[in-house]
């Protein structure tokens, strides 16, 4: 599978709202799965946030506003998406509107992507490197992750010039830092610990000598 260059959309919601978003995301994928359109509806939702909302942030504010009536939002959905998106996606937006949950579109997208990956036995892996990785390096890293995780890794690569060589690989909350900076920090910490130990040992010896 090719590396994932899509933009990340972090959920902007409290814990309770995220739970609700997860329920809606699961319902959307269940409906889409029956027609083999899971990838399509997730891409449509992602495009709505990445393309449309980014180009017209006032539109996102409008659909998320509780001050705007549901009827007006329904008209807006019909105007913008009718015959331009899948019926499942349009119906989903209307269901959200009916329950006044259009403000949860971002966390719904995040949950939908996670659920889709889980069902496809995929896992997203963030990879940061000081310079762009060569294709053979990416292939080798992908194979190593596949062997270790028993899942299909979807690499999200990022170049970070501030890294002093090496790579940083993040899978969920797990972080593997193989950068030069990490090794230097490790050596520095070891030297500090060793120095502290030697100082303490010197104090202990001095105390014993003084006591005699």
C-alpha atoms as a PDB file:
ATOM      1  CA  UNK A   1       0.000   0.000   0.000  1.00  0.00           C
ATOM      2  CA  UNK A   2       1.295   3.445  -0.837  1.00  0.00           C
ATOM      3  CA  UNK A   3       2.174   5.915   1.868  1.00  0.00           C
ATOM      4  CA  UNK A   4      -0.699   8.073   3.059  1.00  0.00           C
ATOM      5  CA  UNK A   5      -0.219  11.755   2.306  1.00  0.00           C
ATOM      6  CA  UNK A   6      -3.677  12.819   3.406  1.00  0.00           C
ATOM      7  CA  UNK A   7      -4.015  15.641   5.869  1.00  0.00           C
ATOM      8  CA  UNK A   8      -4.795  14.595   9.425  1.00  0.00           C
ATOM      9  CA  UNK A   9      -7.963  15.933  11.040  1.00  0.00           C
ATOM     10  CA  UNK A  10      -7.843  15.717  14.800  1.00  0.00           C
ATOM     11  CA  UNK A  11     -11.179  15.451  16.602  1.00  0.00           C
ATOM     12  CA  UNK A  12     -12.228  18.777  18.069  1.00  0.00           C
ATOM     13  CA  UNK A  13     -14.667  17.546  20.704  1.00  0.00           C
ATOM     14  CA  UNK A  14     -14.886  16.512  24.337  1.00  0.00           C
ATOM     15  CA  UNK A  15     -14.927  12.854  25.387  1.00  0.00           C
ATOM     16  CA  UNK A  16     -18.721  12.625  25.392  1.00  0.00           C
ATOM     17  CA  UNK A  17     -18.995  14.161  21.924  1.00  0.00           C
ATOM     18  CA  UNK A  18     -16.300  11.817  20.612  1.00  0.00           C
ATOM     19  CA  UNK A  19     -18.324   8.825  21.783  1.00  0.00           C
ATOM     20  CA  UNK A  20     -21.339  10.159  19.901  1.00  0.00           C
ATOM     21  CA  UNK A  21     -19.150  10.799  16.853  1.00  0.00           C
ATOM     22  CA  UNK A  22     -17.933   7.194  16.995  1.00  0.00           C
ATOM     23  CA  UNK A  23     -21.524   5.912  16.965  1.00  0.00           C
ATOM     24  CA  UNK A  24     -22.358   8.001  13.890  1.00  0.00           C
ATOM     25  CA  UNK A  25     -19.140   6.971  12.144  1.00  0.00           C
ATOM     26  CA  UNK A  26     -19.947   3.299  12.728  1.00  0.00           C
ATOM     27  CA  UNK A  27     -23.483   3.762  11.414  1.00  0.00           C
ATOM     28  CA  UNK A  28     -22.137   5.495   8.302  1.00  0.00           C
ATOM     29  CA  UNK A  29     -19.642   2.720   7.565  1.00  0.00           C
ATOM     30  CA  UNK A  30     -22.198  -0.012   8.219  1.00  0.00           C
ATOM     31  CA  UNK A  31     -24.556   1.543   5.672  1.00  0.00           C
ATOM     32  CA  UNK A  32     -21.757   2.141   3.182  1.00  0.00           C
ATOM     33  CA  UNK A  33     -20.340  -1.387   3.594  1.00  0.00           C
ATOM     34  CA  UNK A  34     -23.613  -2.884   2.420  1.00  0.00           C
ATOM     35  CA  UNK A  35     -23.131  -1.138  -0.915  1.00  0.00           C
ATOM     36  CA  UNK A  36     -19.354  -1.454  -1.055  1.00  0.00           C
ATOM     37  CA  UNK A  37     -18.901   2.302  -0.715  1.00  0.00           C
ATOM     38  CA  UNK A  38     -16.937   2.655   2.529  1.00  0.00           C
ATOM     39  CA  UNK A  39     -13.876   4.169   0.903  1.00  0.00           C
ATOM     40  CA  UNK A  40     -16.023   6.488  -1.186  1.00  0.00           C
ATOM     41  CA  UNK A  41     -18.030   7.971   1.682  1.00  0.00           C
ATOM     42  CA  UNK A  42     -14.940   8.448   3.853  1.00  0.00           C
ATOM     43  CA  UNK A  43     -13.242  10.212   0.956  1.00  0.00           C
ATOM     44  CA  UNK A  44     -16.314  12.391   0.469  1.00  0.00           C
ATOM     45  CA  UNK A  45     -16.331  13.335   4.140  1.00  0.00           C
ATOM     46  CA  UNK A  46     -12.616  14.023   4.041  1.00  0.00           C
ATOM     47  CA  UNK A  47     -12.990  16.148   0.918  1.00  0.00           C
ATOM     48  CA  UNK A  48     -15.761  18.146   2.585  1.00  0.00           C
ATOM     49  CA  UNK A  49     -13.449  19.097   5.454  1.00  0.00           C
ATOM     50  CA  UNK A  50     -10.144  19.281   3.596  1.00  0.00           C
ATOM     51  CA  UNK A  51     -11.318  21.048   0.461  1.00  0.00           C
ATOM     52  CA  UNK A  52     -14.660  22.757   0.992  1.00  0.00           C
ATOM     53  CA  UNK A  53     -14.312  23.851   4.626  1.00  0.00           C
ATOM     54  CA  UNK A  54     -10.719  24.926   4.096  1.00  0.00           C
ATOM     55  CA  UNK A  55     -11.691  27.044   1.111  1.00  0.00           C
ATOM     56  CA  UNK A  56     -14.809  28.420   2.814  1.00  0.00           C
ATOM     57  CA  UNK A  57     -14.428  28.318   6.624  1.00  0.00           C
ATOM     58  CA  UNK A  58     -17.599  30.378   6.948  1.00  0.00           C
ATOM     59  CA  UNK A  59     -19.510  27.381   5.567  1.00  0.00           C
ATOM     60  CA  UNK A  60     -18.242  25.154   8.380  1.00  0.00           C
ATOM     61  CA  UNK A  61     -19.204  27.804  10.915  1.00  0.00           C
ATOM     62  CA  UNK A  62     -22.674  28.012   9.384  1.00  0.00           C
ATOM     63  CA  UNK A  63     -23.428  24.278   9.416  1.00  0.00           C
ATOM     64  CA  UNK A  64     -22.052  23.916  12.947  1.00  0.00           C
ATOM     65  CA  UNK A  65     -24.005  26.874  14.302  1.00  0.00           C
ATOM     66  CA  UNK A  66     -27.007  26.146  16.509  1.00  0.00           C
ATOM     67  CA  UNK A  67     -28.359  29.564  15.570  1.00  0.00           C
ATOM     68  CA  UNK A  68     -29.048  28.398  11.992  1.00  0.00           C
ATOM     69  CA  UNK A  69     -32.254  26.389  11.582  1.00  0.00           C
ATOM     70  CA  UNK A  70     -32.338  22.809  10.334  1.00  0.00           C
ATOM     71  CA  UNK A  71     -34.510  23.710   7.357  1.00  0.00           C
ATOM     72  CA  UNK A  72     -31.993  26.218   6.093  1.00  0.00           C
ATOM     73  CA  UNK A  73     -29.179  23.699   6.539  1.00  0.00           C
ATOM     74  CA  UNK A  74     -31.162  21.062   4.638  1.00  0.00           C
ATOM     75  CA  UNK A  75     -31.550  23.490   1.755  1.00  0.00           C
ATOM     76  CA  UNK A  76     -27.823  24.159   1.856  1.00  0.00           C
ATOM     77  CA  UNK A  77     -27.016  20.433   1.804  1.00  0.00           C
ATOM     78  CA  UNK A  78     -29.288  19.923  -1.202  1.00  0.00           C
ATOM     79  CA  UNK A  79     -27.761  22.888  -3.022  1.00  0.00           C
ATOM     80  CA  UNK A  80     -24.148  21.904  -2.412  1.00  0.00           C
ATOM     81  CA  UNK A  81     -24.271  18.096  -2.593  1.00  0.00           C
ATOM     82  CA  UNK A  82     -27.344  16.944  -4.520  1.00  0.00           C
ATOM     83  CA  UNK A  83     -26.174  14.992  -7.602  1.00  0.00           C
ATOM     84  CA  UNK A  84     -22.554  15.753  -6.628  1.00  0.00           C
ATOM     85  CA  UNK A  85     -22.070  13.180  -3.865  1.00  0.00           C
ATOM     86  CA  UNK A  86     -23.278   9.671  -3.151  1.00  0.00           C
ATOM     87  CA  UNK A  87     -26.869   9.349  -1.846  1.00  0.00           C
ATOM     88  CA  UNK A  88     -25.537   7.638   1.292  1.00  0.00           C
ATOM     89  CA  UNK A  89     -23.333  10.617   2.074  1.00  0.00           C
ATOM     90  CA  UNK A  90     -26.068  13.170   1.416  1.00  0.00           C
ATOM     91  CA  UNK A  91     -28.546  11.219   3.546  1.00  0.00           C
ATOM     92  CA  UNK A  92     -25.958  10.985   6.309  1.00  0.00           C
ATOM     93  CA  UNK A  93     -25.504  14.763   6.349  1.00  0.00           C
ATOM     94  CA  UNK A  94     -29.272  15.182   6.593  1.00  0.00           C
ATOM     95  CA  UNK A  95     -29.475  12.723   9.484  1.00  0.00           C
ATOM     96  CA  UNK A  96     -26.763  14.679  11.305  1.00  0.00           C
ATOM     97  CA  UNK A  97     -28.653  17.874  10.589  1.00  0.00           C
ATOM     98  CA  UNK A  98     -31.918  16.399  11.878  1.00  0.00           C
ATOM     99  CA  UNK A  99     -30.215  15.514  15.162  1.00  0.00           C
ATOM    100  CA  UNK A 100     -28.262  18.800  15.179  1.00  0.00           C
ATOM    101  CA  UNK A 101     -24.908  17.028  15.052  1.00  0.00           C
ATOM    102  CA  UNK A 102     -23.258  18.651  12.055  1.00  0.00           C
ATOM    103  CA  UNK A 103     -20.749  20.174  14.470  1.00  0.00           C
ATOM    104  CA  UNK A 104     -19.283  16.668  14.892  1.00  0.00           C
ATOM    105  CA  UNK A 105     -18.124  16.244  11.302  1.00  0.00           C
ATOM    106  CA  UNK A 106     -14.416  16.379  12.175  1.00  0.00           C
ATOM    107  CA  UNK A 107     -14.440  13.799  14.992  1.00  0.00           C
ATOM    108  CA  UNK A 108     -16.785  11.646  12.901  1.00  0.00           C
ATOM    109  CA  UNK A 109     -14.201  11.656  10.123  1.00  0.00           C
ATOM    110  CA  UNK A 110     -11.429  10.698  12.544  1.00  0.00           C
ATOM    111  CA  UNK A 111     -13.507   7.812  13.923  1.00  0.00           C
ATOM    112  CA  UNK A 112     -14.577   6.683  10.458  1.00  0.00           C
ATOM    113  CA  UNK A 113     -10.973   6.488   9.281  1.00  0.00           C
ATOM    114  CA  UNK A 114      -9.968   4.513  12.366  1.00  0.00           C
ATOM    115  CA  UNK A 115     -12.872   2.093  11.964  1.00  0.00           C
ATOM    116  CA  UNK A 116     -12.226   1.629   8.260  1.00  0.00           C
ATOM    117  CA  UNK A 117      -8.564   0.845   8.949  1.00  0.00           C
ATOM    118  CA  UNK A 118      -9.509  -1.545  11.747  1.00  0.00           C
ATOM    119  CA  UNK A 119     -11.905  -3.465   9.521  1.00  0.00           C
ATOM    120  CA  UNK A 120      -9.322  -3.643   6.744  1.00  0.00           C
ATOM    121  CA  UNK A 121      -6.614  -4.690   9.259  1.00  0.00           C
ATOM    122  CA  UNK A 122      -4.644  -1.542   8.528  1.00  0.00           C
ATOM    123  CA  UNK A 123      -2.815   0.709  10.951  1.00  0.00           C
ATOM    124  CA  UNK A 124      -1.568   4.250  10.446  1.00  0.00           C
ATOM    125  CA  UNK A 125       2.059   4.921  11.230  1.00  0.00           C
ATOM    126  CA  UNK A 126       3.607   8.389  11.420  1.00  0.00           C
ATOM    127  CA  UNK A 127       7.185   8.534  10.195  1.00  0.00           C
ATOM    128  CA  UNK A 128       9.370  11.618  10.607  1.00  0.00           C
ATOM    129  CA  UNK A 129      12.809  11.872   9.053  1.00  0.00           C
ATOM    130  CA  UNK A 130      15.413  14.589   8.572  1.00  0.00           C
ATOM    131  CA  UNK A 131      15.428  14.036   4.802  1.00  0.00           C
ATOM    132  CA  UNK A 132      12.966  12.310   2.454  1.00  0.00           C
ATOM    133  CA  UNK A 133      13.233   8.534   2.698  1.00  0.00           C
ATOM    134  CA  UNK A 134      14.186   6.600  -0.410  1.00  0.00           C
ATOM    135  CA  UNK A 135      11.618   4.196  -1.826  1.00  0.00           C
ATOM    136  CA  UNK A 136      13.644   1.154  -0.770  1.00  0.00           C
ATOM    137  CA  UNK A 137      13.850   2.527   2.787  1.00  0.00           C
ATOM    138  CA  UNK A 138      10.082   3.033   2.879  1.00  0.00           C
ATOM    139  CA  UNK A 139       9.493  -0.483   1.535  1.00  0.00           C
ATOM    140  CA  UNK A 140      11.850  -2.005   4.105  1.00  0.00           C
ATOM    141  CA  UNK A 141      10.250  -0.042   6.955  1.00  0.00           C
ATOM    142  CA  UNK A 142       6.768  -1.030   5.808  1.00  0.00           C
ATOM    143  CA  UNK A 143       7.749  -4.716   5.719  1.00  0.00           C
ATOM    144  CA  UNK A 144       9.354  -4.540   9.177  1.00  0.00           C
ATOM    145  CA  UNK A 145       6.233  -2.918  10.622  1.00  0.00           C
ATOM    146  CA  UNK A 146       3.993  -5.475   8.908  1.00  0.00           C
ATOM    147  CA  UNK A 147       6.020  -8.348  10.363  1.00  0.00           C
ATOM    148  CA  UNK A 148       5.993  -6.809  13.848  1.00  0.00           C
ATOM    149  CA  UNK A 149       2.372  -5.653  13.988  1.00  0.00           C
ATOM    150  CA  UNK A 150       0.700  -8.292  11.802  1.00  0.00           C
ATOM    151  CA  UNK A 151      -1.258  -5.434  10.218  1.00  0.00           C
ATOM    152  CA  UNK A 152      -0.946  -3.508   6.958  1.00  0.00           C
ATOM    153  CA  UNK A 153       0.871  -0.255   7.834  1.00  0.00           C
ATOM    154  CA  UNK A 154      -0.241   2.961   6.159  1.00  0.00           C
ATOM    155  CA  UNK A 155       2.754   5.273   6.360  1.00  0.00           C
ATOM    156  CA  UNK A 156       2.236   8.982   6.886  1.00  0.00           C
ATOM    157  CA  UNK A 157       5.665  10.450   6.139  1.00  0.00           C
ATOM    158  CA  UNK A 158       6.900  13.878   7.186  1.00  0.00           C
ATOM    159  CA  UNK A 159      10.238  15.589   6.679  1.00  0.00           C
ATOM    160  CA  UNK A 160      11.523  17.389   9.777  1.00  0.00           C
ATOM    161  CA  UNK A 161      14.835  19.183   9.125  1.00  0.00           C
ATOM    162  CA  UNK A 162      15.261  19.718  12.869  1.00  0.00           C
ATOM    163  CA  UNK A 163      15.898  15.996  13.333  1.00  0.00           C
ATOM    164  CA  UNK A 164      19.609  15.184  13.371  1.00  0.00           C
ATOM    165  CA  UNK A 165      19.380  12.212  11.056  1.00  0.00           C
ATOM    166  CA  UNK A 166      17.555   8.949  11.632  1.00  0.00           C
ATOM    167  CA  UNK A 167      13.804   8.509  11.879  1.00  0.00           C
ATOM    168  CA  UNK A 168      10.991   8.700  14.402  1.00  0.00           C
ATOM    169  CA  UNK A 169       8.197   6.142  14.067  1.00  0.00           C
ATOM    170  CA  UNK A 170       4.929   6.575  15.943  1.00  0.00           C
ATOM    171  CA  UNK A 171       2.182   3.961  16.149  1.00  0.00           C
ATOM    172  CA  UNK A 172      -0.623   5.194  18.371  1.00  0.00           C
ATOM    173  CA  UNK A 173       0.942   6.050  21.727  1.00  0.00           C
ATOM    174  CA  UNK A 174       4.098   4.044  20.983  1.00  0.00           C
ATOM    175  CA  UNK A 175       7.116   6.055  19.783  1.00  0.00           C
ATOM    176  CA  UNK A 176      10.414   4.716  18.464  1.00  0.00           C
ATOM    177  CA  UNK A 177      13.033   7.429  18.166  1.00  0.00           C
ATOM    178  CA  UNK A 178      16.093   6.396  16.141  1.00  0.00           C
ATOM    179  CA  UNK A 179      17.293   9.938  15.456  1.00  0.00           C
ATOM    180  CA  UNK A 180      20.828  11.080  16.214  1.00  0.00           C
ATOM    181  CA  UNK A 181      19.376  13.626  18.640  1.00  0.00           C
ATOM    182  CA  UNK A 182      17.697  10.850  20.622  1.00  0.00           C
ATOM    183  CA  UNK A 183      20.988   8.946  20.867  1.00  0.00           C
ATOM    184  CA  UNK A 184      22.806  12.105  21.963  1.00  0.00           C
ATOM    185  CA  UNK A 185      20.132  12.769  24.580  1.00  0.00           C
ATOM    186  CA  UNK A 186      20.441   9.177  25.788  1.00  0.00           C
ATOM    187  CA  UNK A 187      24.217   9.484  26.128  1.00  0.00           C
ATOM    188  CA  UNK A 188      23.817  12.823  27.889  1.00  0.00           C
ATOM    189  CA  UNK A 189      21.336  11.336  30.359  1.00  0.00           C
ATOM    190  CA  UNK A 190      23.649   8.391  31.024  1.00  0.00           C
ATOM    191  CA  UNK A 191      26.547  10.757  31.706  1.00  0.00           C
ATOM    192  CA  UNK A 192      24.399  12.836  34.054  1.00  0.00           C
ATOM    193  CA  UNK A 193      23.250   9.706  35.916  1.00  0.00           C
ATOM    194  CA  UNK A 194      26.814   8.417  36.117  1.00  0.00           C
ATOM    195  CA  UNK A 195      28.057  11.780  37.355  1.00  0.00           C
ATOM    196  CA  UNK A 196      25.317  11.940  39.984  1.00  0.00           C
ATOM    197  CA  UNK A 197      26.176   8.416  41.115  1.00  0.00           C
ATOM    198  CA  UNK A 198      29.886   9.267  41.408  1.00  0.00           C
ATOM    199  CA  UNK A 199      29.116  12.432  43.348  1.00  0.00           C
ATOM    200  CA  UNK A 200      26.842  10.526  45.733  1.00  0.00           C
ATOM    201  CA  UNK A 201      29.457   7.799  46.137  1.00  0.00           C
ATOM    202  CA  UNK A 202      32.041  10.465  46.953  1.00  0.00           C
ATOM    203  CA  UNK A 203      29.751  11.955  49.557  1.00  0.00           C
ATOM    204  CA  UNK A 204      29.152   8.533  51.094  1.00  0.00           C
ATOM    205  CA  UNK A 205      32.904   7.852  51.285  1.00  0.00           C
ATOM    206  CA  UNK A 206      33.497  11.297  52.778  1.00  0.00           C
ATOM    207  CA  UNK A 207      30.787  10.708  55.380  1.00  0.00           C
ATOM    208  CA  UNK A 208      32.283   7.373  56.364  1.00  0.00           C
ATOM    209  CA  UNK A 209      35.789   8.875  56.582  1.00  0.00           C
ATOM    210  CA  UNK A 210      34.523  11.753  58.711  1.00  0.00           C
ATOM    211  CA  UNK A 211      32.722   9.354  60.996  1.00  0.00           C
ATOM    212  CA  UNK A 212      35.938   7.440  61.636  1.00  0.00           C
END
